Amino acid sequence: MATKLTQVVPTALKDKRITYPEAAKMTAAVTWDAPNGRLTKADAAALKKVASMPDSTFVDRKQPSYVKAQRDELRDYAESIKALQRVRLDVQSKVPGIHVGLKNDLAVVDLDELGYQHELILEVKIPGKKAEADGTLTFRYGNFDVSVDVKKGQSRESIMNRIESRLLRQQEAMTRGEVTETSREFLLHRFRPLTDAERKQRDDLIAAHDAMLLGE
């Protein structure tokens, strides 16, 4: 099924030239205008194809600096998506009636003033209202391990909340995706612990942003 991005890319590449309006449409299609806030595998492939085009493809005599900025933004998104697609989920121990998996689509997350980023979607499904048996659910994504002990008869809500709590400790900030009676989606953007230098850089950015808001 064609999406906004997979429709606009072939049209833009017909003459092997991408203008600023065309690049802007592509950027919108992978961010604020992505259908349902999701990117499909086909979208990701189309984006990576565009990002791999030479600089000479991005030409707009009327707005040269704008088309270059859009080009760089599209390439940044493509690189981040490549990194996401390299992440693997390894379910090491299962509990009957509890299913964990990564969805094929990627989520588009609005970070307000910080722009947009793409995240993996971890889906947990528990069809039954209560756990069917004792056990330990253990899985690994990136460099993070998650382990949750489950007791027979434990409520679905309790199990979901414990999984969410483990993920939140690792992600530090986490967005929920779709939630139904029997399933939850958790959006993941971090796949290894921050180094001390990275943590300091993040804290400095947050402090600077807060200071800017206070100065308004």
C-alpha atoms as a PDB file:
ATOM      1  CA  MET A   1       0.000   0.000   0.000  1.00  0.00           C
ATOM      2  CA  ALA A   2       1.422   3.356  -1.056  1.00  0.00           C
ATOM      3  CA  THR A   3       2.069   6.011   1.582  1.00  0.00           C
ATOM      4  CA  LYS A   4       2.720   9.724   1.218  1.00  0.00           C
ATOM      5  CA  LEU A   5       6.478   9.176   1.120  1.00  0.00           C
ATOM      6  CA  THR A   6       6.445   6.253  -1.319  1.00  0.00           C
ATOM      7  CA  GLN A   7       4.214   8.323  -3.601  1.00  0.00           C
ATOM      8  CA  VAL A   8       6.288  11.499  -3.577  1.00  0.00           C
ATOM      9  CA  VAL A   9       9.752   9.910  -3.956  1.00  0.00           C
ATOM     10  CA  PRO A  10       9.303   8.280  -7.425  1.00  0.00           C
ATOM     11  CA  THR A  11       7.704  11.469  -8.734  1.00  0.00           C
ATOM     12  CA  ALA A  12      10.564  13.602  -7.456  1.00  0.00           C
ATOM     13  CA  LEU A  13      13.211  11.275  -8.891  1.00  0.00           C
ATOM     14  CA  LYS A  14      11.759  11.113 -12.415  1.00  0.00           C
ATOM     15  CA  ASP A  15      14.069  13.852 -13.618  1.00  0.00           C
ATOM     16  CA  LYS A  16      16.828  12.870 -11.158  1.00  0.00           C
ATOM     17  CA  ARG A  17      16.501  16.214  -9.454  1.00  0.00           C
ATOM     18  CA  ILE A  18      14.937  17.127  -6.127  1.00  0.00           C
ATOM     19  CA  THR A  19      13.816  20.709  -5.586  1.00  0.00           C
ATOM     20  CA  TYR A  20      13.168  22.411  -2.271  1.00  0.00           C
ATOM     21  CA  PRO A  21       9.363  21.923  -2.388  1.00  0.00           C
ATOM     22  CA  GLU A  22       9.841  18.216  -3.165  1.00  0.00           C
ATOM     23  CA  ALA A  23      12.410  17.770  -0.386  1.00  0.00           C
ATOM     24  CA  ALA A  24      10.126  19.613   2.030  1.00  0.00           C
ATOM     25  CA  LYS A  25       7.272  17.232   1.169  1.00  0.00           C
ATOM     26  CA  MET A  26       9.552  14.267   1.908  1.00  0.00           C
ATOM     27  CA  THR A  27      10.641  15.738   5.227  1.00  0.00           C
ATOM     28  CA  ALA A  28       7.005  16.312   6.168  1.00  0.00           C
ATOM     29  CA  ALA A  29       6.106  12.748   5.166  1.00  0.00           C
ATOM     30  CA  VAL A  30       8.677  11.293   7.571  1.00  0.00           C
ATOM     31  CA  THR A  31       7.792  13.635  10.432  1.00  0.00           C
ATOM     32  CA  TRP A  32       4.619  15.623  11.153  1.00  0.00           C
ATOM     33  CA  ASP A  33       2.698  14.376   8.098  1.00  0.00           C
ATOM     34  CA  ALA A  34       3.486  10.667   8.475  1.00  0.00           C
ATOM     35  CA  PRO A  35       0.181   8.720   8.403  1.00  0.00           C
ATOM     36  CA  ASN A  36      -0.812   7.756  11.955  1.00  0.00           C
ATOM     37  CA  GLY A  37       2.645   8.830  13.127  1.00  0.00           C
ATOM     38  CA  ARG A  38       4.228   5.712  11.648  1.00  0.00           C
ATOM     39  CA  LEU A  39       6.802   4.849   8.982  1.00  0.00           C
ATOM     40  CA  THR A  40       6.530   1.543   7.149  1.00  0.00           C
ATOM     41  CA  LYS A  41       9.412  -0.571   5.872  1.00  0.00           C
ATOM     42  CA  ALA A  42       8.645   0.791   2.404  1.00  0.00           C
ATOM     43  CA  ASP A  43       8.889   4.350   3.762  1.00  0.00           C
ATOM     44  CA  ALA A  44      12.257   3.597   5.340  1.00  0.00           C
ATOM     45  CA  ALA A  45      13.567   2.098   2.091  1.00  0.00           C
ATOM     46  CA  ALA A  46      12.364   5.123   0.104  1.00  0.00           C
ATOM     47  CA  LEU A  47      13.977   7.520   2.556  1.00  0.00           C
ATOM     48  CA  LYS A  48      17.299   5.684   2.448  1.00  0.00           C
ATOM     49  CA  LYS A  49      17.190   5.739  -1.350  1.00  0.00           C
ATOM     50  CA  VAL A  50      16.711   9.511  -1.373  1.00  0.00           C
ATOM     51  CA  ALA A  51      19.419  10.019   1.256  1.00  0.00           C
ATOM     52  CA  SER A  52      21.907   8.045  -0.840  1.00  0.00           C
ATOM     53  CA  MET A  53      21.495  10.325  -3.867  1.00  0.00           C
ATOM     54  CA  PRO A  54      24.480  12.594  -4.631  1.00  0.00           C
ATOM     55  CA  ASP A  55      24.494  16.236  -3.602  1.00  0.00           C
ATOM     56  CA  SER A  56      23.960  17.236  -7.223  1.00  0.00           C
ATOM     57  CA  THR A  57      20.460  15.695  -7.107  1.00  0.00           C
ATOM     58  CA  PHE A  58      19.277  18.344  -4.652  1.00  0.00           C
ATOM     59  CA  VAL A  59      19.048  21.471  -6.780  1.00  0.00           C
ATOM     60  CA  ASP A  60      16.886  24.544  -6.489  1.00  0.00           C
ATOM     61  CA  ARG A  61      18.179  27.733  -8.083  1.00  0.00           C
ATOM     62  CA  LYS A  62      15.592  29.873  -6.303  1.00  0.00           C
ATOM     63  CA  GLN A  63      16.190  28.377  -2.840  1.00  0.00           C
ATOM     64  CA  PRO A  64      19.615  26.652  -2.845  1.00  0.00           C
ATOM     65  CA  SER A  65      20.276  26.925   0.881  1.00  0.00           C
ATOM     66  CA  TYR A  66      16.816  25.603   1.767  1.00  0.00           C
ATOM     67  CA  VAL A  67      17.084  22.503  -0.410  1.00  0.00           C
ATOM     68  CA  LYS A  68      20.515  21.745   1.100  1.00  0.00           C
ATOM     69  CA  ALA A  69      19.084  22.045   4.617  1.00  0.00           C
ATOM     70  CA  GLN A  70      16.267  19.641   3.702  1.00  0.00           C
ATOM     71  CA  ARG A  71      18.783  17.250   2.153  1.00  0.00           C
ATOM     72  CA  ASP A  72      20.847  17.187   5.329  1.00  0.00           C
ATOM     73  CA  GLU A  73      17.759  16.668   7.479  1.00  0.00           C
ATOM     74  CA  LEU A  74      16.586  13.745   5.333  1.00  0.00           C
ATOM     75  CA  ARG A  75      20.040  12.171   5.543  1.00  0.00           C
ATOM     76  CA  ASP A  76      20.070  12.536   9.319  1.00  0.00           C
ATOM     77  CA  TYR A  77      16.704  10.791   9.557  1.00  0.00           C
ATOM     78  CA  ALA A  78      17.893   8.032   7.241  1.00  0.00           C
ATOM     79  CA  GLU A  79      20.982   7.390   9.372  1.00  0.00           C
ATOM     80  CA  SER A  80      18.951   7.218  12.573  1.00  0.00           C
ATOM     81  CA  ILE A  81      16.521   4.783  10.928  1.00  0.00           C
ATOM     82  CA  LYS A  82      19.402   2.576   9.764  1.00  0.00           C
ATOM     83  CA  ALA A  83      20.606   2.426  13.379  1.00  0.00           C
ATOM     84  CA  LEU A  84      17.118   1.512  14.610  1.00  0.00           C
ATOM     85  CA  GLN A  85      16.810  -1.274  12.054  1.00  0.00           C
ATOM     86  CA  ARG A  86      20.045  -2.828  13.308  1.00  0.00           C
ATOM     87  CA  VAL A  87      18.571  -3.324  16.796  1.00  0.00           C
ATOM     88  CA  ARG A  88      17.451  -6.870  17.503  1.00  0.00           C
ATOM     89  CA  LEU A  89      15.084  -8.273  20.108  1.00  0.00           C
ATOM     90  CA  ASP A  90      16.142 -11.521  21.764  1.00  0.00           C
ATOM     91  CA  VAL A  91      13.471 -13.151  23.929  1.00  0.00           C
ATOM     92  CA  GLN A  92      15.502 -15.416  26.203  1.00  0.00           C
ATOM     93  CA  SER A  93      12.767 -16.879  28.388  1.00  0.00           C
ATOM     94  CA  LYS A  94       9.025 -16.890  27.815  1.00  0.00           C
ATOM     95  CA  VAL A  95       5.917 -17.123  29.965  1.00  0.00           C
ATOM     96  CA  PRO A  96       2.830 -18.817  28.490  1.00  0.00           C
ATOM     97  CA  GLY A  97       0.271 -16.284  27.317  1.00  0.00           C
ATOM     98  CA  ILE A  98       2.700 -13.331  27.145  1.00  0.00           C
ATOM     99  CA  HIS A  99       4.026 -12.275  23.752  1.00  0.00           C
ATOM    100  CA  VAL A 100       6.768  -9.692  23.130  1.00  0.00           C
ATOM    101  CA  GLY A 101       7.885  -8.453  19.719  1.00  0.00           C
ATOM    102  CA  LEU A 102       9.172  -5.528  17.670  1.00  0.00           C
ATOM    103  CA  LYS A 103       6.751  -4.168  15.086  1.00  0.00           C
ATOM    104  CA  ASN A 104       7.862  -3.585  11.507  1.00  0.00           C
ATOM    105  CA  ASP A 105       6.736   0.048  11.530  1.00  0.00           C
ATOM    106  CA  LEU A 106       8.677   2.839  13.222  1.00  0.00           C
ATOM    107  CA  ALA A 107       7.027   5.507  15.356  1.00  0.00           C
ATOM    108  CA  VAL A 108       7.385   9.231  14.684  1.00  0.00           C
ATOM    109  CA  VAL A 109       7.732  11.096  17.975  1.00  0.00           C
ATOM    110  CA  ASP A 110       7.267  14.855  18.301  1.00  0.00           C
ATOM    111  CA  LEU A 111       9.820  16.326  20.720  1.00  0.00           C
ATOM    112  CA  ASP A 112       8.322  19.816  20.535  1.00  0.00           C
ATOM    113  CA  GLU A 113      11.132  22.389  20.213  1.00  0.00           C
ATOM    114  CA  LEU A 114      13.683  19.615  19.682  1.00  0.00           C
ATOM    115  CA  GLY A 115      12.014  18.412  16.487  1.00  0.00           C
ATOM    116  CA  TYR A 116      11.156  14.816  15.622  1.00  0.00           C
ATOM    117  CA  GLN A 117      12.775  11.464  16.100  1.00  0.00           C
ATOM    118  CA  HIS A 118      11.970   7.918  15.065  1.00  0.00           C
ATOM    119  CA  GLU A 119      11.664   5.097  17.576  1.00  0.00           C
ATOM    120  CA  LEU A 120      11.224   1.342  17.660  1.00  0.00           C
ATOM    121  CA  ILE A 121       7.855  -0.054  18.711  1.00  0.00           C
ATOM    122  CA  LEU A 122       7.961  -2.849  21.267  1.00  0.00           C
ATOM    123  CA  GLU A 123       4.588  -4.567  21.531  1.00  0.00           C
ATOM    124  CA  VAL A 124       3.521  -6.675  24.506  1.00  0.00           C
ATOM    125  CA  LYS A 125       0.392  -8.818  24.131  1.00  0.00           C
ATOM    126  CA  ILE A 126      -1.374 -10.603  26.972  1.00  0.00           C
ATOM    127  CA  PRO A 127      -4.686 -12.007  25.682  1.00  0.00           C
ATOM    128  CA  GLY A 128      -5.763 -13.468  29.037  1.00  0.00           C
ATOM    129  CA  LYS A 129      -6.861 -11.354  31.979  1.00  0.00           C
ATOM    130  CA  LYS A 130      -4.448 -13.220  34.269  1.00  0.00           C
ATOM    131  CA  ALA A 131      -1.133 -15.049  33.927  1.00  0.00           C
ATOM    132  CA  GLU A 132      -1.493 -18.694  32.985  1.00  0.00           C
ATOM    133  CA  ALA A 133       1.585 -19.909  34.872  1.00  0.00           C
ATOM    134  CA  ASP A 134       4.566 -18.964  37.003  1.00  0.00           C
ATOM    135  CA  GLY A 135       7.638 -17.952  35.062  1.00  0.00           C
ATOM    136  CA  THR A 136      10.177 -15.288  34.170  1.00  0.00           C
ATOM    137  CA  LEU A 137       9.917 -13.170  31.067  1.00  0.00           C
ATOM    138  CA  THR A 138      13.404 -12.208  29.935  1.00  0.00           C
ATOM    139  CA  PHE A 139      14.382 -10.339  26.811  1.00  0.00           C
ATOM    140  CA  ARG A 140      17.221  -8.218  25.478  1.00  0.00           C
ATOM    141  CA  TYR A 141      17.101  -5.272  23.090  1.00  0.00           C
ATOM    142  CA  GLY A 142      20.326  -3.521  22.138  1.00  0.00           C
ATOM    143  CA  ASN A 143      22.511  -3.632  25.260  1.00  0.00           C
ATOM    144  CA  PHE A 144      19.575  -3.622  27.683  1.00  0.00           C
ATOM    145  CA  ASP A 145      18.189  -6.656  29.488  1.00  0.00           C
ATOM    146  CA  VAL A 146      14.661  -6.851  30.893  1.00  0.00           C
ATOM    147  CA  SER A 147      13.562  -9.522  33.349  1.00  0.00           C
ATOM    148  CA  VAL A 148      10.141  -9.740  34.975  1.00  0.00           C
ATOM    149  CA  ASP A 149       8.978 -12.477  37.352  1.00  0.00           C
ATOM    150  CA  VAL A 150       5.384 -13.535  36.773  1.00  0.00           C
ATOM    151  CA  LYS A 151       3.094 -15.412  39.145  1.00  0.00           C
ATOM    152  CA  LYS A 152       0.198 -17.574  38.038  1.00  0.00           C
ATOM    153  CA  GLY A 153      -3.004 -15.577  38.442  1.00  0.00           C
ATOM    154  CA  GLN A 154      -1.203 -12.214  38.346  1.00  0.00           C
ATOM    155  CA  SER A 155      -3.315  -9.617  36.550  1.00  0.00           C
ATOM    156  CA  ARG A 156      -2.563  -8.481  33.038  1.00  0.00           C
ATOM    157  CA  GLU A 157      -2.384  -4.869  34.261  1.00  0.00           C
ATOM    158  CA  SER A 158       0.189  -5.726  36.917  1.00  0.00           C
ATOM    159  CA  ILE A 159       2.410  -7.537  34.428  1.00  0.00           C
ATOM    160  CA  MET A 160       2.181  -4.717  31.897  1.00  0.00           C
ATOM    161  CA  ASN A 161       3.042  -2.157  34.562  1.00  0.00           C
ATOM    162  CA  ARG A 162       6.100  -4.118  35.686  1.00  0.00           C
ATOM    163  CA  ILE A 163       7.376  -4.404  32.114  1.00  0.00           C
ATOM    164  CA  GLU A 164       6.804  -0.685  31.603  1.00  0.00           C
ATOM    165  CA  SER A 165       8.654   0.118  34.816  1.00  0.00           C
ATOM    166  CA  ARG A 166      11.718  -1.886  33.710  1.00  0.00           C
ATOM    167  CA  LEU A 167      11.738  -0.206  30.305  1.00  0.00           C
ATOM    168  CA  LEU A 168      11.298   3.259  31.774  1.00  0.00           C
ATOM    169  CA  ARG A 169      14.381   2.859  33.962  1.00  0.00           C
ATOM    170  CA  GLN A 170      16.432   2.191  30.851  1.00  0.00           C
ATOM    171  CA  GLN A 171      14.804   4.734  28.557  1.00  0.00           C
ATOM    172  CA  GLU A 172      14.555   7.452  31.280  1.00  0.00           C
ATOM    173  CA  ALA A 173      11.778   9.047  29.207  1.00  0.00           C
ATOM    174  CA  MET A 174       9.380   6.920  27.218  1.00  0.00           C
ATOM    175  CA  THR A 175       6.312   7.436  25.081  1.00  0.00           C
ATOM    176  CA  ARG A 176       3.469   4.960  24.911  1.00  0.00           C
ATOM    177  CA  GLY A 177       2.119   3.905  21.557  1.00  0.00           C
ATOM    178  CA  GLU A 178      -1.246   2.287  20.995  1.00  0.00           C
ATOM    179  CA  VAL A 179      -2.941   0.728  24.017  1.00  0.00           C
ATOM    180  CA  THR A 180      -5.736  -1.840  23.850  1.00  0.00           C
ATOM    181  CA  GLU A 181      -7.311  -4.084  26.449  1.00  0.00           C
ATOM    182  CA  THR A 182      -4.869  -6.877  25.644  1.00  0.00           C
ATOM    183  CA  SER A 183      -1.771  -5.085  24.336  1.00  0.00           C
ATOM    184  CA  ARG A 184       0.533  -2.107  24.822  1.00  0.00           C
ATOM    185  CA  GLU A 185       3.122  -0.492  22.634  1.00  0.00           C
ATOM    186  CA  PHE A 186       6.261   1.017  24.150  1.00  0.00           C
ATOM    187  CA  LEU A 187       8.360   3.375  22.015  1.00  0.00           C
ATOM    188  CA  LEU A 188      12.094   2.865  22.416  1.00  0.00           C
ATOM    189  CA  HIS A 189      14.863   5.293  21.480  1.00  0.00           C
ATOM    190  CA  ARG A 190      17.782   4.264  23.700  1.00  0.00           C
ATOM    191  CA  PHE A 191      19.578   0.944  23.332  1.00  0.00           C
ATOM    192  CA  ARG A 192      22.594   1.305  25.600  1.00  0.00           C
ATOM    193  CA  PRO A 193      23.355   3.203  28.818  1.00  0.00           C
ATOM    194  CA  LEU A 194      24.631   6.758  28.412  1.00  0.00           C
ATOM    195  CA  THR A 195      28.299   7.371  29.088  1.00  0.00           C
ATOM    196  CA  ASP A 196      29.177   9.968  31.726  1.00  0.00           C
ATOM    197  CA  ALA A 197      30.091  12.443  28.983  1.00  0.00           C
ATOM    198  CA  GLU A 198      26.802  11.861  27.147  1.00  0.00           C
ATOM    199  CA  ARG A 199      24.821  12.221  30.346  1.00  0.00           C
ATOM    200  CA  LYS A 200      26.566  15.529  31.112  1.00  0.00           C
ATOM    201  CA  GLN A 201      25.938  16.789  27.574  1.00  0.00           C
ATOM    202  CA  ARG A 202      22.240  15.871  27.871  1.00  0.00           C
ATOM    203  CA  ASP A 203      21.913  17.560  31.257  1.00  0.00           C
ATOM    204  CA  ASP A 204      23.653  20.703  29.945  1.00  0.00           C
ATOM    205  CA  LEU A 205      21.262  20.851  26.984  1.00  0.00           C
ATOM    206  CA  ILE A 206      18.252  20.483  29.261  1.00  0.00           C
ATOM    207  CA  ALA A 207      19.580  23.192  31.601  1.00  0.00           C
ATOM    208  CA  ALA A 208      20.211  25.552  28.673  1.00  0.00           C
ATOM    209  CA  HIS A 209      16.736  24.909  27.297  1.00  0.00           C
ATOM    210  CA  ASP A 210      15.143  25.520  30.697  1.00  0.00           C
ATOM    211  CA  ALA A 211      17.134  28.742  31.093  1.00  0.00           C
ATOM    212  CA  MET A 212      15.947  29.933  27.687  1.00  0.00           C
ATOM    213  CA  LEU A 213      12.325  29.258  28.629  1.00  0.00           C
ATOM    214  CA  LEU A 214      12.710  31.117  31.926  1.00  0.00           C
ATOM    215  CA  GLY A 215      14.195  34.081  30.066  1.00  0.00           C
ATOM    216  CA  GLU A 216      11.214  34.433  27.743  1.00  0.00           C
END
